[in-house]
Amino acid sequence: MTQNQASTTFFYFLCNPGSEAFLKEEIRLIYPELSFAYSTDGFLTFKASRVLGKTLRPVFCRHFGKFIMRGSLEEVENKAKQMDLPTRYYSKDGEIYREVSIKYGEVALEIIRVYAQGKEQFYLGEFKNTVLTSPHPGGFSSATLPTDAPSRAYLKVIDGLEYAGIKLSSGDHALEIGSSPGGATYALLEKGLKVEGLDPALMSEICLRHPNFHHHHTSIQEFKVFDLKNHIHWLFVDMNLPPEGTLAEIEKVVEKIRPSLKGAFITLKMTKFDLVKRVPMYLNIVEKMGLKVVVATQLSSHKQEFLIYAE
């Protein structure tokens, strides 16, 4: 979303509670045209003091849009009716009051209920349904965690696929680096993929018993990359390392599987606040591996981390 309007334009952003400081620092560093206006847990607004010099898409937010007005529910509903666009209605905390079908590329409206410090406010915003914005209200997850899933990493896979608009084909091969205990593996197996997991830690029995799963029971440092045949279609990475460490370790794997690779879902841990300024460098490193970064975002299932989807 590129801003070409007057200096009175405001934007709103929804992020994971606890990531507000990451988002504010990212905007300060990358979008100096935006000045901070308001925030409460998971919801921030910024004012555009001048025309933006680059496409707006901060990493540390799930969803964003252009602010139109604030008022009572009746006032924003009336304004939405005048604009005659598809309008969904939800709260900043994830309650979905009204969902509507919005086609890809379509401009739509949303009413966001913000309840903070004993006060209720309603924001009316406009956004375009593209890969830059979430397909679900506020970027909240539409998935539920199955009782037999080994971990919440299951949700990261489902949320990441939905955000990137990727539909996996049954029978495709996936390599997951950092697979233990198996939440993400379980999600991929459910979708009919053949999965190779790479992790020195133990995997859940529900994965080990599955005929479409193979465990490389070793570390990425000890893994012999030539063991990989030229058949990996999807790469999933979620390692307990700082971002530079993760990217350095997967470079040799990406080089080996790139001819057959359809897409890579790379989760990077924000182990320190100071790493915010390095995010553009991380995206550049991925591109130097021969991949095109499609989107970098924080999912609702994330904690102190974010996703890079590249292909």
C-alpha atoms as a PDB file:
ATOM      1  CA  MET A   1       0.000   0.000   0.000  1.00  0.00           C
ATOM      2  CA  THR A   2       1.679   3.220  -1.155  1.00  0.00           C
ATOM      3  CA  GLN A   3       0.512   6.508   0.328  1.00  0.00           C
ATOM      4  CA  ASN A   4      -0.199   9.223  -2.239  1.00  0.00           C
ATOM      5  CA  GLN A   5      -2.554  11.393  -0.270  1.00  0.00           C
ATOM      6  CA  ALA A   6      -2.394  14.376   2.031  1.00  0.00           C
ATOM      7  CA  SER A   7      -0.481  14.545   5.295  1.00  0.00           C
ATOM      8  CA  THR A   8      -3.656  13.946   7.318  1.00  0.00           C
ATOM      9  CA  THR A   9      -3.703  10.246   6.459  1.00  0.00           C
ATOM     10  CA  PHE A  10      -3.542   7.801   9.372  1.00  0.00           C
ATOM     11  CA  PHE A  11      -2.775   4.089   9.312  1.00  0.00           C
ATOM     12  CA  TYR A  12      -3.676   1.454  11.884  1.00  0.00           C
ATOM     13  CA  PHE A  13      -1.780  -1.755  12.649  1.00  0.00           C
ATOM     14  CA  LEU A  14      -2.703  -4.917  14.549  1.00  0.00           C
ATOM     15  CA  CYS A  15       0.157  -6.813  16.132  1.00  0.00           C
ATOM     16  CA  ASN A  16       0.670  -9.490  18.742  1.00  0.00           C
ATOM     17  CA  PRO A  17       0.513  -8.108  22.303  1.00  0.00           C
ATOM     18  CA  GLY A  18       4.113  -7.737  23.404  1.00  0.00           C
ATOM     19  CA  SER A  19       5.344  -6.813  19.908  1.00  0.00           C
ATOM     20  CA  GLU A  20       4.274  -3.152  20.028  1.00  0.00           C
ATOM     21  CA  ALA A  21       7.835  -1.991  20.724  1.00  0.00           C
ATOM     22  CA  PHE A  22       9.167  -4.035  17.793  1.00  0.00           C
ATOM     23  CA  LEU A  23       6.606  -2.444  15.478  1.00  0.00           C
ATOM     24  CA  LYS A  24       7.245   1.104  16.690  1.00  0.00           C
ATOM     25  CA  GLU A  25      11.003   0.678  16.253  1.00  0.00           C
ATOM     26  CA  GLU A  26      10.589  -0.853  12.785  1.00  0.00           C
ATOM     27  CA  ILE A  27       8.421   2.035  11.639  1.00  0.00           C
ATOM     28  CA  ARG A  28      10.834   4.573  13.143  1.00  0.00           C
ATOM     29  CA  LEU A  29      13.725   3.038  11.214  1.00  0.00           C
ATOM     30  CA  ILE A  30      12.097   2.182   7.875  1.00  0.00           C
ATOM     31  CA  TYR A  31       9.122   4.529   7.530  1.00  0.00           C
ATOM     32  CA  PRO A  32      10.271   7.914   8.909  1.00  0.00           C
ATOM     33  CA  GLU A  33       7.280   9.545   7.194  1.00  0.00           C
ATOM     34  CA  LEU A  34       5.033   7.986   9.858  1.00  0.00           C
ATOM     35  CA  SER A  35       4.772   9.460  13.334  1.00  0.00           C
ATOM     36  CA  PHE A  36       3.314   7.564  16.285  1.00  0.00           C
ATOM     37  CA  ALA A  37      -0.236   8.569  17.293  1.00  0.00           C
ATOM     38  CA  TYR A  38      -1.869   6.026  19.622  1.00  0.00           C
ATOM     39  CA  SER A  39      -1.463   2.519  20.978  1.00  0.00           C
ATOM     40  CA  THR A  40      -3.011  -0.040  23.250  1.00  0.00           C
ATOM     41  CA  ASP A  41      -2.284  -3.764  23.502  1.00  0.00           C
ATOM     42  CA  GLY A  42      -2.078  -5.104  19.952  1.00  0.00           C
ATOM     43  CA  PHE A  43      -3.394  -1.973  18.209  1.00  0.00           C
ATOM     44  CA  LEU A  44      -1.416   1.084  17.040  1.00  0.00           C
ATOM     45  CA  THR A  45      -2.010   4.087  14.812  1.00  0.00           C
ATOM     46  CA  PHE A  46       0.467   6.328  12.999  1.00  0.00           C
ATOM     47  CA  LYS A  47       0.096   9.600  11.080  1.00  0.00           C
ATOM     48  CA  ALA A  48       1.653  10.084   7.655  1.00  0.00           C
ATOM     49  CA  SER A  49       3.409  13.454   7.768  1.00  0.00           C
ATOM     50  CA  ARG A  50       4.379  13.224   4.096  1.00  0.00           C
ATOM     51  CA  VAL A  51       4.148  10.844   1.149  1.00  0.00           C
ATOM     52  CA  LEU A  52       5.667   7.438   1.857  1.00  0.00           C
ATOM     53  CA  GLY A  53       8.819   6.660  -0.072  1.00  0.00           C
ATOM     54  CA  LYS A  54       8.231   2.917  -0.191  1.00  0.00           C
ATOM     55  CA  THR A  55       5.458   0.346  -0.095  1.00  0.00           C
ATOM     56  CA  LEU A  56       4.026   0.038   3.395  1.00  0.00           C
ATOM     57  CA  ARG A  57       4.304  -3.415   4.921  1.00  0.00           C
ATOM     58  CA  PRO A  58       5.924  -3.631   8.365  1.00  0.00           C
ATOM     59  CA  VAL A  59       7.026  -7.098   9.445  1.00  0.00           C
ATOM     60  CA  PHE A  60       5.850  -6.855  13.050  1.00  0.00           C
ATOM     61  CA  CYS A  61       2.150  -6.590  12.379  1.00  0.00           C
ATOM     62  CA  ARG A  62      -0.438  -9.144  11.333  1.00  0.00           C
ATOM     63  CA  HIS A  63      -2.688  -6.729   9.478  1.00  0.00           C
ATOM     64  CA  PHE A  64      -2.975  -3.012   8.676  1.00  0.00           C
ATOM     65  CA  GLY A  65      -5.091  -0.503   6.808  1.00  0.00           C
ATOM     66  CA  LYS A  66      -5.876   3.159   6.229  1.00  0.00           C
ATOM     67  CA  PHE A  67      -7.841   4.880   8.978  1.00  0.00           C
ATOM     68  CA  ILE A  68     -11.106   6.552   7.901  1.00  0.00           C
ATOM     69  CA  MET A  69     -12.852   7.599  11.107  1.00  0.00           C
ATOM     70  CA  ARG A  70     -13.428   6.865  14.781  1.00  0.00           C
ATOM     71  CA  GLY A  71     -16.734   7.126  16.626  1.00  0.00           C
ATOM     72  CA  SER A  72     -19.650   5.199  18.028  1.00  0.00           C
ATOM     73  CA  LEU A  73     -20.685   1.928  16.416  1.00  0.00           C
ATOM     74  CA  GLU A  74     -23.698   3.662  14.876  1.00  0.00           C
ATOM     75  CA  GLU A  75     -21.530   6.425  13.411  1.00  0.00           C
ATOM     76  CA  VAL A  76     -18.990   4.133  11.806  1.00  0.00           C
ATOM     77  CA  GLU A  77     -21.724   1.784  10.559  1.00  0.00           C
ATOM     78  CA  ASN A  78     -23.462   4.709   8.851  1.00  0.00           C
ATOM     79  CA  LYS A  79     -20.219   5.836   7.231  1.00  0.00           C
ATOM     80  CA  ALA A  80     -19.527   2.291   6.012  1.00  0.00           C
ATOM     81  CA  LYS A  81     -23.003   2.093   4.452  1.00  0.00           C
ATOM     82  CA  GLN A  82     -22.343   5.343   2.572  1.00  0.00           C
ATOM     83  CA  MET A  83     -19.113   3.945   1.149  1.00  0.00           C
ATOM     84  CA  ASP A  84     -20.941   0.791  -0.024  1.00  0.00           C
ATOM     85  CA  LEU A  85     -18.040  -1.656   0.275  1.00  0.00           C
ATOM     86  CA  PRO A  86     -17.853  -5.116   1.870  1.00  0.00           C
ATOM     87  CA  THR A  87     -17.501  -4.502   5.613  1.00  0.00           C
ATOM     88  CA  ARG A  88     -16.355  -6.884   8.330  1.00  0.00           C
ATOM     89  CA  TYR A  89     -16.524  -6.204  12.067  1.00  0.00           C
ATOM     90  CA  TYR A  90     -14.255  -7.562  14.802  1.00  0.00           C
ATOM     91  CA  SER A  91     -12.441  -6.546  17.974  1.00  0.00           C
ATOM     92  CA  LYS A  92      -8.720  -5.914  18.356  1.00  0.00           C
ATOM     93  CA  ASP A  93      -8.646  -8.890  20.723  1.00  0.00           C
ATOM     94  CA  GLY A  94      -9.989 -11.397  18.212  1.00  0.00           C
ATOM     95  CA  GLU A  95     -13.778 -11.555  18.625  1.00  0.00           C
ATOM     96  CA  ILE A  96     -15.293 -11.828  15.137  1.00  0.00           C
ATOM     97  CA  TYR A  97     -18.733 -10.193  15.020  1.00  0.00           C
ATOM     98  CA  ARG A  98     -19.265 -10.123  11.252  1.00  0.00           C
ATOM     99  CA  GLU A  99     -17.236 -11.760   8.504  1.00  0.00           C
ATOM    100  CA  VAL A 100     -17.747 -11.149   4.795  1.00  0.00           C
ATOM    101  CA  SER A 101     -16.298 -12.690   1.659  1.00  0.00           C
ATOM    102  CA  ILE A 102     -13.592 -10.451   0.193  1.00  0.00           C
ATOM    103  CA  LYS A 103     -12.036 -11.348  -3.138  1.00  0.00           C
ATOM    104  CA  TYR A 104      -8.295 -11.109  -3.676  1.00  0.00           C
ATOM    105  CA  GLY A 105      -7.450  -7.607  -4.916  1.00  0.00           C
ATOM    106  CA  GLU A 106     -10.728  -6.167  -3.635  1.00  0.00           C
ATOM    107  CA  VAL A 107     -10.899  -3.034  -1.453  1.00  0.00           C
ATOM    108  CA  ALA A 108     -12.951  -3.559   1.689  1.00  0.00           C
ATOM    109  CA  LEU A 109     -13.826  -1.898   4.977  1.00  0.00           C
ATOM    110  CA  GLU A 110     -13.530  -3.098   8.545  1.00  0.00           C
ATOM    111  CA  ILE A 111     -14.906  -1.909  11.835  1.00  0.00           C
ATOM    112  CA  ILE A 112     -12.552  -2.588  14.732  1.00  0.00           C
ATOM    113  CA  ARG A 113     -13.796  -2.476  18.307  1.00  0.00           C
ATOM    114  CA  VAL A 114     -11.067  -1.203  20.604  1.00  0.00           C
ATOM    115  CA  TYR A 115     -11.772  -1.549  24.315  1.00  0.00           C
ATOM    116  CA  ALA A 116      -8.984  -0.171  26.472  1.00  0.00           C
ATOM    117  CA  GLN A 117      -8.737   1.433  29.915  1.00  0.00           C
ATOM    118  CA  GLY A 118     -12.481   1.144  30.435  1.00  0.00           C
ATOM    119  CA  LYS A 119     -13.344   2.955  27.202  1.00  0.00           C
ATOM    120  CA  GLU A 120     -14.902   1.565  24.037  1.00  0.00           C
ATOM    121  CA  GLN A 121     -14.064   3.035  20.643  1.00  0.00           C
ATOM    122  CA  PHE A 122     -14.838   1.944  17.105  1.00  0.00           C
ATOM    123  CA  TYR A 123     -12.448   2.471  14.206  1.00  0.00           C
ATOM    124  CA  LEU A 124     -13.443   2.342  10.555  1.00  0.00           C
ATOM    125  CA  GLY A 125     -10.629   1.387   8.216  1.00  0.00           C
ATOM    126  CA  GLU A 126     -10.034   0.535   4.584  1.00  0.00           C
ATOM    127  CA  PHE A 127      -7.680  -2.112   3.214  1.00  0.00           C
ATOM    128  CA  LYS A 128      -6.982  -4.024   0.025  1.00  0.00           C
ATOM    129  CA  ASN A 129      -7.032  -7.811   0.163  1.00  0.00           C
ATOM    130  CA  THR A 130      -3.562  -8.741  -1.092  1.00  0.00           C
ATOM    131  CA  VAL A 131      -0.584 -10.745   0.144  1.00  0.00           C
ATOM    132  CA  LEU A 132       0.364  -7.641   2.142  1.00  0.00           C
ATOM    133  CA  THR A 133      -2.701  -7.958   4.376  1.00  0.00           C
ATOM    134  CA  SER A 134      -4.163 -10.890   6.270  1.00  0.00           C
ATOM    135  CA  PRO A 135      -6.995 -12.927   4.725  1.00  0.00           C
ATOM    136  CA  HIS A 136      -8.667 -13.125   8.158  1.00  0.00           C
ATOM    137  CA  PRO A 137     -10.031 -10.292  10.320  1.00  0.00           C
ATOM    138  CA  GLY A 138      -7.185  -8.675  12.201  1.00  0.00           C
ATOM    139  CA  GLY A 139      -4.791 -11.398  11.103  1.00  0.00           C
ATOM    140  CA  PHE A 140      -6.176 -13.711  13.773  1.00  0.00           C
ATOM    141  CA  SER A 141      -5.877 -17.436  13.225  1.00  0.00           C
ATOM    142  CA  SER A 142      -8.811 -19.383  11.854  1.00  0.00           C
ATOM    143  CA  ALA A 143      -7.218 -22.653  12.999  1.00  0.00           C
ATOM    144  CA  THR A 144      -7.760 -24.632  16.182  1.00  0.00           C
ATOM    145  CA  LEU A 145      -5.122 -26.812  17.796  1.00  0.00           C
ATOM    146  CA  PRO A 146      -6.044 -30.524  17.650  1.00  0.00           C
ATOM    147  CA  THR A 147      -5.799 -32.318  20.969  1.00  0.00           C
ATOM    148  CA  ASP A 148      -3.320 -34.840  19.541  1.00  0.00           C
ATOM    149  CA  ALA A 149      -1.001 -32.245  17.954  1.00  0.00           C
ATOM    150  CA  PRO A 150       2.451 -32.546  19.577  1.00  0.00           C
ATOM    151  CA  SER A 151       2.919 -28.758  19.891  1.00  0.00           C
ATOM    152  CA  ARG A 152       1.561 -25.347  18.940  1.00  0.00           C
ATOM    153  CA  ALA A 153       3.909 -25.305  15.945  1.00  0.00           C
ATOM    154  CA  TYR A 154       0.914 -26.920  14.212  1.00  0.00           C
ATOM    155  CA  LEU A 155      -0.739 -23.478  14.185  1.00  0.00           C
ATOM    156  CA  LYS A 156       2.327 -21.791  12.709  1.00  0.00           C
ATOM    157  CA  VAL A 157       2.092 -24.040   9.659  1.00  0.00           C
ATOM    158  CA  ILE A 158      -1.644 -23.539   9.152  1.00  0.00           C
ATOM    159  CA  ASP A 159      -1.452 -19.780   9.725  1.00  0.00           C
ATOM    160  CA  GLY A 160       1.576 -19.395   7.462  1.00  0.00           C
ATOM    161  CA  LEU A 161      -0.005 -21.316   4.600  1.00  0.00           C
ATOM    162  CA  GLU A 162      -3.219 -19.301   4.840  1.00  0.00           C
ATOM    163  CA  TYR A 163      -1.420 -15.957   5.036  1.00  0.00           C
ATOM    164  CA  ALA A 164       0.729 -16.748   1.986  1.00  0.00           C
ATOM    165  CA  GLY A 165      -2.250 -18.215   0.131  1.00  0.00           C
ATOM    166  CA  ILE A 166      -0.455 -21.527  -0.434  1.00  0.00           C
ATOM    167  CA  LYS A 167      -2.301 -24.782  -1.057  1.00  0.00           C
ATOM    168  CA  LEU A 168      -0.061 -27.801  -0.642  1.00  0.00           C
ATOM    169  CA  SER A 169      -0.479 -30.766  -2.978  1.00  0.00           C
ATOM    170  CA  SER A 170      -0.881 -34.213  -1.470  1.00  0.00           C
ATOM    171  CA  GLY A 171       2.232 -36.248  -2.165  1.00  0.00           C
ATOM    172  CA  ASP A 172       4.614 -33.270  -2.173  1.00  0.00           C
ATOM    173  CA  HIS A 173       7.790 -33.651  -0.116  1.00  0.00           C
ATOM    174  CA  ALA A 174       8.611 -31.293   2.745  1.00  0.00           C
ATOM    175  CA  LEU A 175      11.787 -30.897   4.772  1.00  0.00           C
ATOM    176  CA  GLU A 176      11.371 -29.452   8.248  1.00  0.00           C
ATOM    177  CA  ILE A 177      14.479 -28.195  10.041  1.00  0.00           C
ATOM    178  CA  GLY A 178      13.876 -27.974  13.774  1.00  0.00           C
ATOM    179  CA  SER A 179      11.047 -30.490  13.713  1.00  0.00           C
ATOM    180  CA  SER A 180      10.885 -31.690  17.350  1.00  0.00           C
ATOM    181  CA  PRO A 181       8.501 -32.465  18.969  1.00  0.00           C
ATOM    182  CA  GLY A 182       6.396 -32.553  15.790  1.00  0.00           C
ATOM    183  CA  GLY A 183       3.585 -29.997  15.785  1.00  0.00           C
ATOM    184  CA  ALA A 184       4.440 -28.630  12.349  1.00  0.00           C
ATOM    185  CA  THR A 185       5.258 -32.109  11.036  1.00  0.00           C
ATOM    186  CA  TYR A 186       1.847 -33.311  12.175  1.00  0.00           C
ATOM    187  CA  ALA A 187       0.132 -30.463  10.289  1.00  0.00           C
ATOM    188  CA  LEU A 188       2.028 -31.302   7.102  1.00  0.00           C
ATOM    189  CA  LEU A 189       1.306 -35.013   7.404  1.00  0.00           C
ATOM    190  CA  GLU A 190      -2.383 -34.212   7.848  1.00  0.00           C
ATOM    191  CA  LYS A 191      -2.256 -32.394   4.528  1.00  0.00           C
ATOM    192  CA  GLY A 192      -0.942 -35.494   2.788  1.00  0.00           C
ATOM    193  CA  LEU A 193       2.714 -34.519   2.471  1.00  0.00           C
ATOM    194  CA  LYS A 194       5.726 -36.759   2.815  1.00  0.00           C
ATOM    195  CA  VAL A 195       7.866 -35.165   5.503  1.00  0.00           C
ATOM    196  CA  GLU A 196      11.518 -35.402   6.476  1.00  0.00           C
ATOM    197  CA  GLY A 197      12.240 -33.918   9.900  1.00  0.00           C
ATOM    198  CA  LEU A 198      15.690 -32.779  10.919  1.00  0.00           C
ATOM    199  CA  ASP A 199      16.285 -32.426  14.665  1.00  0.00           C
ATOM    200  CA  PRO A 200      18.616 -33.993  17.265  1.00  0.00           C
ATOM    201  CA  ALA A 201      15.755 -34.058  19.787  1.00  0.00           C
ATOM    202  CA  LEU A 202      13.054 -36.715  19.965  1.00  0.00           C
ATOM    203  CA  MET A 203       9.931 -36.636  17.843  1.00  0.00           C
ATOM    204  CA  SER A 204       6.422 -37.452  19.014  1.00  0.00           C
ATOM    205  CA  GLU A 205       5.313 -41.037  18.462  1.00  0.00           C
ATOM    206  CA  ILE A 206       2.314 -39.835  16.430  1.00  0.00           C
ATOM    207  CA  CYS A 207       4.816 -38.605  13.818  1.00  0.00           C
ATOM    208  CA  LEU A 208       7.277 -41.477  14.105  1.00  0.00           C
ATOM    209  CA  ARG A 209       4.525 -44.018  13.487  1.00  0.00           C
ATOM    210  CA  HIS A 210       3.332 -42.268  10.340  1.00  0.00           C
ATOM    211  CA  PRO A 211       4.414 -44.021   7.115  1.00  0.00           C
ATOM    212  CA  ASN A 212       5.059 -40.681   5.371  1.00  0.00           C
ATOM    213  CA  PHE A 213       7.547 -39.406   7.960  1.00  0.00           C
ATOM    214  CA  HIS A 214      11.311 -39.897   8.147  1.00  0.00           C
ATOM    215  CA  HIS A 215      13.399 -38.504  11.007  1.00  0.00           C
ATOM    216  CA  HIS A 216      16.959 -37.315  10.414  1.00  0.00           C
ATOM    217  CA  HIS A 217      17.942 -37.681  14.070  1.00  0.00           C
ATOM    218  CA  THR A 218      20.865 -35.261  13.987  1.00  0.00           C
ATOM    219  CA  SER A 219      21.717 -31.562  14.189  1.00  0.00           C
ATOM    220  CA  ILE A 220      21.805 -29.229  11.206  1.00  0.00           C
ATOM    221  CA  GLN A 221      25.559 -28.847  11.838  1.00  0.00           C
ATOM    222  CA  GLU A 222      26.133 -32.603  11.511  1.00  0.00           C
ATOM    223  CA  PHE A 223      23.608 -33.212   8.741  1.00  0.00           C
ATOM    224  CA  LYS A 224      25.098 -34.463   5.482  1.00  0.00           C
ATOM    225  CA  VAL A 225      23.281 -32.353   2.934  1.00  0.00           C
ATOM    226  CA  PHE A 226      24.178 -34.735   0.099  1.00  0.00           C
ATOM    227  CA  ASP A 227      21.735 -37.196   1.684  1.00  0.00           C
ATOM    228  CA  LEU A 228      18.940 -35.024   0.310  1.00  0.00           C
ATOM    229  CA  LYS A 229      17.688 -36.138  -3.052  1.00  0.00           C
ATOM    230  CA  ASN A 230      16.469 -33.556  -5.541  1.00  0.00           C
ATOM    231  CA  HIS A 231      12.842 -33.961  -4.478  1.00  0.00           C
ATOM    232  CA  ILE A 232      12.125 -31.444  -1.700  1.00  0.00           C
ATOM    233  CA  HIS A 233       9.256 -29.150  -2.656  1.00  0.00           C
ATOM    234  CA  TRP A 234       8.689 -27.268   0.600  1.00  0.00           C
ATOM    235  CA  LEU A 235      11.101 -26.129   3.289  1.00  0.00           C
ATOM    236  CA  PHE A 236       9.950 -25.319   6.840  1.00  0.00           C
ATOM    237  CA  VAL A 237      12.482 -23.879   9.280  1.00  0.00           C
ATOM    238  CA  ASP A 238      11.949 -23.169  12.984  1.00  0.00           C
ATOM    239  CA  MET A 239      15.193 -23.381  14.950  1.00  0.00           C
ATOM    240  CA  ASN A 240      16.109 -22.207  18.436  1.00  0.00           C
ATOM    241  CA  LEU A 241      18.922 -20.010  17.170  1.00  0.00           C
ATOM    242  CA  PRO A 242      19.371 -16.268  16.633  1.00  0.00           C
ATOM    243  CA  PRO A 243      18.379 -15.190  13.088  1.00  0.00           C
ATOM    244  CA  GLU A 244      21.946 -15.016  11.767  1.00  0.00           C
ATOM    245  CA  GLY A 245      22.592 -18.544  13.029  1.00  0.00           C
ATOM    246  CA  THR A 246      19.444 -19.942  11.458  1.00  0.00           C
ATOM    247  CA  LEU A 247      20.133 -18.335   8.081  1.00  0.00           C
ATOM    248  CA  ALA A 248      23.764 -19.433   8.052  1.00  0.00           C
ATOM    249  CA  GLU A 249      22.833 -23.045   8.834  1.00  0.00           C
ATOM    250  CA  ILE A 250      20.136 -23.381   6.178  1.00  0.00           C
ATOM    251  CA  GLU A 251      22.124 -21.831   3.333  1.00  0.00           C
ATOM    252  CA  LYS A 252      23.745 -25.123   2.326  1.00  0.00           C
ATOM    253  CA  VAL A 253      20.353 -26.883   2.410  1.00  0.00           C
ATOM    254  CA  VAL A 254      18.676 -24.251   0.235  1.00  0.00           C
ATOM    255  CA  GLU A 255      21.501 -24.484  -2.298  1.00  0.00           C
ATOM    256  CA  LYS A 256      20.991 -28.260  -2.549  1.00  0.00           C
ATOM    257  CA  ILE A 257      17.195 -28.299  -2.845  1.00  0.00           C
ATOM    258  CA  ARG A 258      16.608 -25.048  -4.764  1.00  0.00           C
ATOM    259  CA  PRO A 259      16.028 -26.741  -8.169  1.00  0.00           C
ATOM    260  CA  SER A 260      12.946 -28.555  -6.854  1.00  0.00           C
ATOM    261  CA  LEU A 261      11.890 -26.040  -4.183  1.00  0.00           C
ATOM    262  CA  LYS A 262       8.438 -24.452  -4.505  1.00  0.00           C
ATOM    263  CA  GLY A 263       8.525 -22.382  -1.330  1.00  0.00           C
ATOM    264  CA  ALA A 264      10.234 -21.868   2.029  1.00  0.00           C
ATOM    265  CA  PHE A 265       8.642 -20.919   5.357  1.00  0.00           C
ATOM    266  CA  ILE A 266      11.431 -19.587   7.585  1.00  0.00           C
ATOM    267  CA  THR A 267      10.701 -18.605  11.193  1.00  0.00           C
ATOM    268  CA  LEU A 268      13.264 -16.293  12.796  1.00  0.00           C
ATOM    269  CA  LYS A 269      13.494 -15.737  16.554  1.00  0.00           C
ATOM    270  CA  MET A 270      13.804 -12.176  17.845  1.00  0.00           C
ATOM    271  CA  THR A 271      16.182 -12.997  20.662  1.00  0.00           C
ATOM    272  CA  LYS A 272      17.000  -9.304  21.293  1.00  0.00           C
ATOM    273  CA  PHE A 273      15.195  -6.007  20.711  1.00  0.00           C
ATOM    274  CA  ASP A 274      18.232  -4.642  18.849  1.00  0.00           C
ATOM    275  CA  LEU A 275      17.657  -7.187  16.076  1.00  0.00           C
ATOM    276  CA  VAL A 276      14.783  -5.090  14.680  1.00  0.00           C
ATOM    277  CA  LYS A 277      17.236  -2.957  12.726  1.00  0.00           C
ATOM    278  CA  ARG A 278      18.686  -6.088  11.120  1.00  0.00           C
ATOM    279  CA  VAL A 279      15.413  -7.380   9.654  1.00  0.00           C
ATOM    280  CA  PRO A 280      16.042  -5.847   6.179  1.00  0.00           C
ATOM    281  CA  MET A 281      19.443  -7.584   6.225  1.00  0.00           C
ATOM    282  CA  TYR A 282      17.773 -10.927   7.007  1.00  0.00           C
ATOM    283  CA  LEU A 283      15.440 -10.529   4.033  1.00  0.00           C
ATOM    284  CA  ASN A 284      18.430  -9.672   1.849  1.00  0.00           C
ATOM    285  CA  ILE A 285      20.278 -12.805   3.004  1.00  0.00           C
ATOM    286  CA  VAL A 286      17.300 -14.965   1.984  1.00  0.00           C
ATOM    287  CA  GLU A 287      17.236 -13.321  -1.442  1.00  0.00           C
ATOM    288  CA  LYS A 288      20.960 -13.941  -1.862  1.00  0.00           C
ATOM    289  CA  MET A 289      20.188 -17.657  -1.445  1.00  0.00           C
ATOM    290  CA  GLY A 290      18.368 -17.391  -4.767  1.00  0.00           C
ATOM    291  CA  LEU A 291      14.874 -17.042  -3.262  1.00  0.00           C
ATOM    292  CA  LYS A 292      12.373 -14.246  -3.706  1.00  0.00           C
ATOM    293  CA  VAL A 293      10.883 -12.945  -0.470  1.00  0.00           C
ATOM    294  CA  VAL A 294       7.112 -12.806  -0.971  1.00  0.00           C
ATOM    295  CA  VAL A 295       6.076 -11.692   2.495  1.00  0.00           C
ATOM    296  CA  ALA A 296       7.551 -11.266   5.959  1.00  0.00           C
ATOM    297  CA  THR A 297       5.057 -11.049   8.789  1.00  0.00           C
ATOM    298  CA  GLN A 298       4.257 -11.954  12.350  1.00  0.00           C
ATOM    299  CA  LEU A 299       1.478 -14.531  12.672  1.00  0.00           C
ATOM    300  CA  SER A 300      -1.019 -14.643  15.520  1.00  0.00           C
ATOM    301  CA  SER A 301       0.509 -17.988  16.564  1.00  0.00           C
ATOM    302  CA  HIS A 302       3.949 -16.395  16.936  1.00  0.00           C
ATOM    303  CA  LYS A 303       5.639 -15.157  20.087  1.00  0.00           C
ATOM    304  CA  GLN A 304       8.972 -13.296  19.796  1.00  0.00           C
ATOM    305  CA  GLU A 305       9.470 -14.351  16.174  1.00  0.00           C
ATOM    306  CA  PHE A 306       8.340 -13.712  12.612  1.00  0.00           C
ATOM    307  CA  LEU A 307       7.888 -15.568   9.325  1.00  0.00           C
ATOM    308  CA  ILE A 308       9.613 -15.131   6.002  1.00  0.00           C
ATOM    309  CA  TYR A 309       7.865 -16.837   3.101  1.00  0.00           C
ATOM    310  CA  ALA A 310      10.056 -17.060  -0.004  1.00  0.00           C
ATOM    311  CA  GLU A 311       9.943 -18.978  -3.248  1.00  0.00           C
END
